[in-house]
Amino acid sequence: MKQSEFETLIEEGYERLPQWVRDKIKNVALLVEDGPSEELRALEGLDEDETLLGYYHGIPLAARGEEYGIGMTMPDTITLFRLPILEVAQEDRLDVRDVIADTIWHEVGHHFGMDEHEVREREREHGIGDHRPPSDAK
């Protein structure tokens, strides 16, 4: 799948978020990379057979104080990793659109200030992300 096609699916996946969720997302850029860098893999303590589908980097909404946004504030980022997402979709016979949408949902949970355990609990409650291996999308 070409990068441009993947980016279109990301736009569709973002639009699948409920409107009330999209309304609360502030100062976040969605990015695409082929896979996590070696530095990120080391930071997350990933083994050779582990990967990430997505990664949130920034200051969660729950941690932003009164000073947030004063002056130049770079956006938080949600990075989706194209090759691991395509691999999971193929291996688990899932629609890549669903894997992308679930990954966006997961990373938005981190943007809202949820830790990994809280995000996964919410996903279980809503039947989201059942395809993810336990180490994924930290």
Protein backbone atom coordinates (compact mmCIF):
# COMPACT_ATOMS: atom_id res chain seq x y z
CA MET A 1 0.00 0.00 0.00
CA LYS A 2 1.32 3.41 -0.96
CA GLN A 3 1.95 6.06 1.68
CA SER A 4 -0.75 8.30 0.18
CA GLU A 5 -3.36 5.52 0.37
CA PHE A 6 -2.37 4.83 3.97
CA GLU A 7 -2.69 8.53 4.83
CA THR A 8 -6.20 8.56 3.36
CA LEU A 9 -7.10 5.63 5.64
CA ILE A 10 -5.71 7.59 8.60
CA GLU A 11 -8.04 10.48 7.76
CA GLU A 12 -10.94 8.02 7.61
CA GLY A 13 -9.84 6.42 10.91
CA TYR A 14 -9.71 9.80 12.61
CA GLU A 15 -13.21 10.59 11.35
CA ARG A 16 -14.44 7.36 12.96
CA LEU A 17 -13.68 8.80 16.40
CA PRO A 18 -16.84 10.08 18.07
CA GLN A 19 -17.34 13.82 17.56
CA TRP A 20 -17.05 14.50 21.32
CA VAL A 21 -13.60 12.86 21.26
CA ARG A 22 -12.45 14.85 18.22
CA ASP A 23 -13.68 18.04 19.89
CA LYS A 24 -11.38 17.41 22.86
CA ILE A 25 -8.22 16.68 20.85
CA LYS A 26 -6.03 19.77 21.10
CA ASN A 27 -2.73 20.56 19.39
CA VAL A 28 -1.97 17.07 18.04
CA ALA A 29 -0.39 16.16 14.70
CA LEU A 30 -0.94 12.74 13.12
CA LEU A 31 2.23 11.40 11.51
CA VAL A 32 3.14 8.30 9.51
CA GLU A 33 6.43 6.43 9.60
CA ASP A 34 7.27 3.00 8.21
CA GLY A 35 8.17 1.66 11.65
CA PRO A 36 9.51 2.67 15.05
CA SER A 37 13.10 3.92 15.10
CA GLU A 38 15.82 2.04 16.94
CA GLU A 39 15.85 4.84 19.53
CA LEU A 40 12.11 4.46 20.15
CA ARG A 41 12.41 0.68 20.29
CA ALA A 42 15.14 1.05 22.93
CA LEU A 43 13.16 3.67 24.86
CA GLU A 44 10.13 1.36 24.97
CA GLY A 45 12.24 -1.70 25.81
CA LEU A 46 11.01 -3.70 22.82
CA ASP A 47 12.45 -7.11 22.05
CA GLU A 48 13.33 -8.13 18.49
CA ASP A 49 9.92 -9.78 17.99
CA GLU A 50 7.95 -6.82 19.38
CA THR A 51 6.84 -3.67 17.63
CA LEU A 52 4.51 -0.72 17.94
CA LEU A 53 1.51 0.15 15.79
CA GLY A 54 1.39 3.70 17.09
CA TYR A 55 3.04 6.05 19.52
CA TYR A 56 1.85 9.15 21.38
CA HIS A 57 4.43 11.77 22.27
CA GLY A 58 3.55 14.96 24.11
CA ILE A 59 1.89 16.47 27.13
CA PRO A 60 -1.44 14.74 27.84
CA LEU A 61 -4.49 16.94 28.31
CA ALA A 62 -4.73 15.91 31.96
CA ALA A 63 -1.17 17.17 32.60
CA ARG A 64 -1.43 20.52 30.84
CA GLY A 65 -1.39 23.37 33.29
CA GLU A 66 -2.31 27.02 33.00
CA GLU A 67 0.99 27.81 31.30
CA TYR A 68 0.41 25.36 28.44
CA GLY A 69 0.13 27.11 25.11
CA ILE A 70 1.71 30.38 26.22
CA GLY A 71 4.33 31.20 23.64
CA MET A 72 5.34 28.76 20.94
CA THR A 73 4.04 25.30 21.76
CA MET A 74 4.89 22.44 19.44
CA PRO A 75 2.05 20.01 18.83
CA ASP A 76 1.92 16.60 20.44
CA THR A 77 2.27 13.79 17.93
CA ILE A 78 0.52 10.53 17.27
CA THR A 79 2.68 8.48 14.94
CA LEU A 80 1.19 5.51 13.12
CA PHE A 81 3.63 2.88 11.93
CA ARG A 82 2.60 1.79 8.45
CA LEU A 83 4.47 -1.50 8.04
CA PRO A 84 3.54 -3.03 11.43
CA ILE A 85 -0.11 -2.02 10.92
CA LEU A 86 -0.18 -3.61 7.47
CA GLU A 87 1.52 -6.73 8.84
CA VAL A 88 -0.98 -7.12 11.70
CA ALA A 89 -3.91 -6.59 9.33
CA GLN A 90 -2.59 -9.25 6.95
CA GLU A 91 -1.56 -11.79 9.61
CA ASP A 92 -4.81 -11.48 11.58
CA ARG A 93 -6.99 -11.12 8.44
CA LEU A 94 -8.32 -7.78 9.58
CA ASP A 95 -9.38 -4.78 7.57
CA VAL A 96 -6.46 -2.35 7.68
CA ARG A 97 -9.03 0.44 8.21
CA ASP A 98 -10.04 -1.16 11.51
CA VAL A 99 -6.44 -1.59 12.67
CA ILE A 100 -5.71 2.07 11.87
CA ALA A 101 -8.89 3.31 13.60
CA ASP A 102 -8.19 1.17 16.68
CA THR A 103 -4.60 2.42 16.83
CA ILE A 104 -5.73 6.05 16.61
CA TRP A 105 -8.27 5.41 19.39
CA HIS A 106 -5.53 3.86 21.55
CA GLU A 107 -3.11 6.74 21.10
CA VAL A 108 -5.83 9.35 21.67
CA GLY A 109 -6.42 7.64 25.02
CA HIS A 110 -2.82 8.48 25.91
CA HIS A 111 -3.41 12.07 24.73
CA PHE A 112 -6.29 12.22 27.22
CA GLY A 113 -3.88 11.18 29.99
CA MET A 114 -4.61 7.47 30.32
CA ASP A 115 -1.72 5.13 31.03
CA GLU A 116 -1.35 1.85 29.14
CA HIS A 117 -3.45 -0.11 31.63
CA GLU A 118 -6.30 2.42 31.54
CA VAL A 119 -6.30 2.58 27.73
CA ARG A 120 -6.45 -1.20 27.45
CA GLU A 121 -9.25 -1.40 30.02
CA ARG A 122 -11.32 1.12 28.05
CA GLU A 123 -10.60 -0.78 24.84
CA ARG A 124 -11.83 -4.02 26.43
CA GLU A 125 -15.00 -2.26 27.60
CA HIS A 126 -15.69 -1.08 24.04
CA GLY A 127 -14.35 -4.12 22.13
CA ILE A 128 -11.56 -2.07 20.54
CA GLY A 129 -8.06 -3.26 19.71
CA ASP A 130 -8.52 -6.98 20.34
CA HIS A 131 -5.94 -7.68 17.62
CA ARG A 132 -3.05 -5.96 19.43
CA PRO A 133 -0.29 -7.98 21.05
CA PRO A 134 0.25 -7.03 24.71
CA SER A 135 3.48 -5.10 24.09
CA ASP A 136 2.10 -2.99 21.30
CA ALA A 137 1.10 0.69 21.09
CA LYS A 138 2.60 1.71 24.39
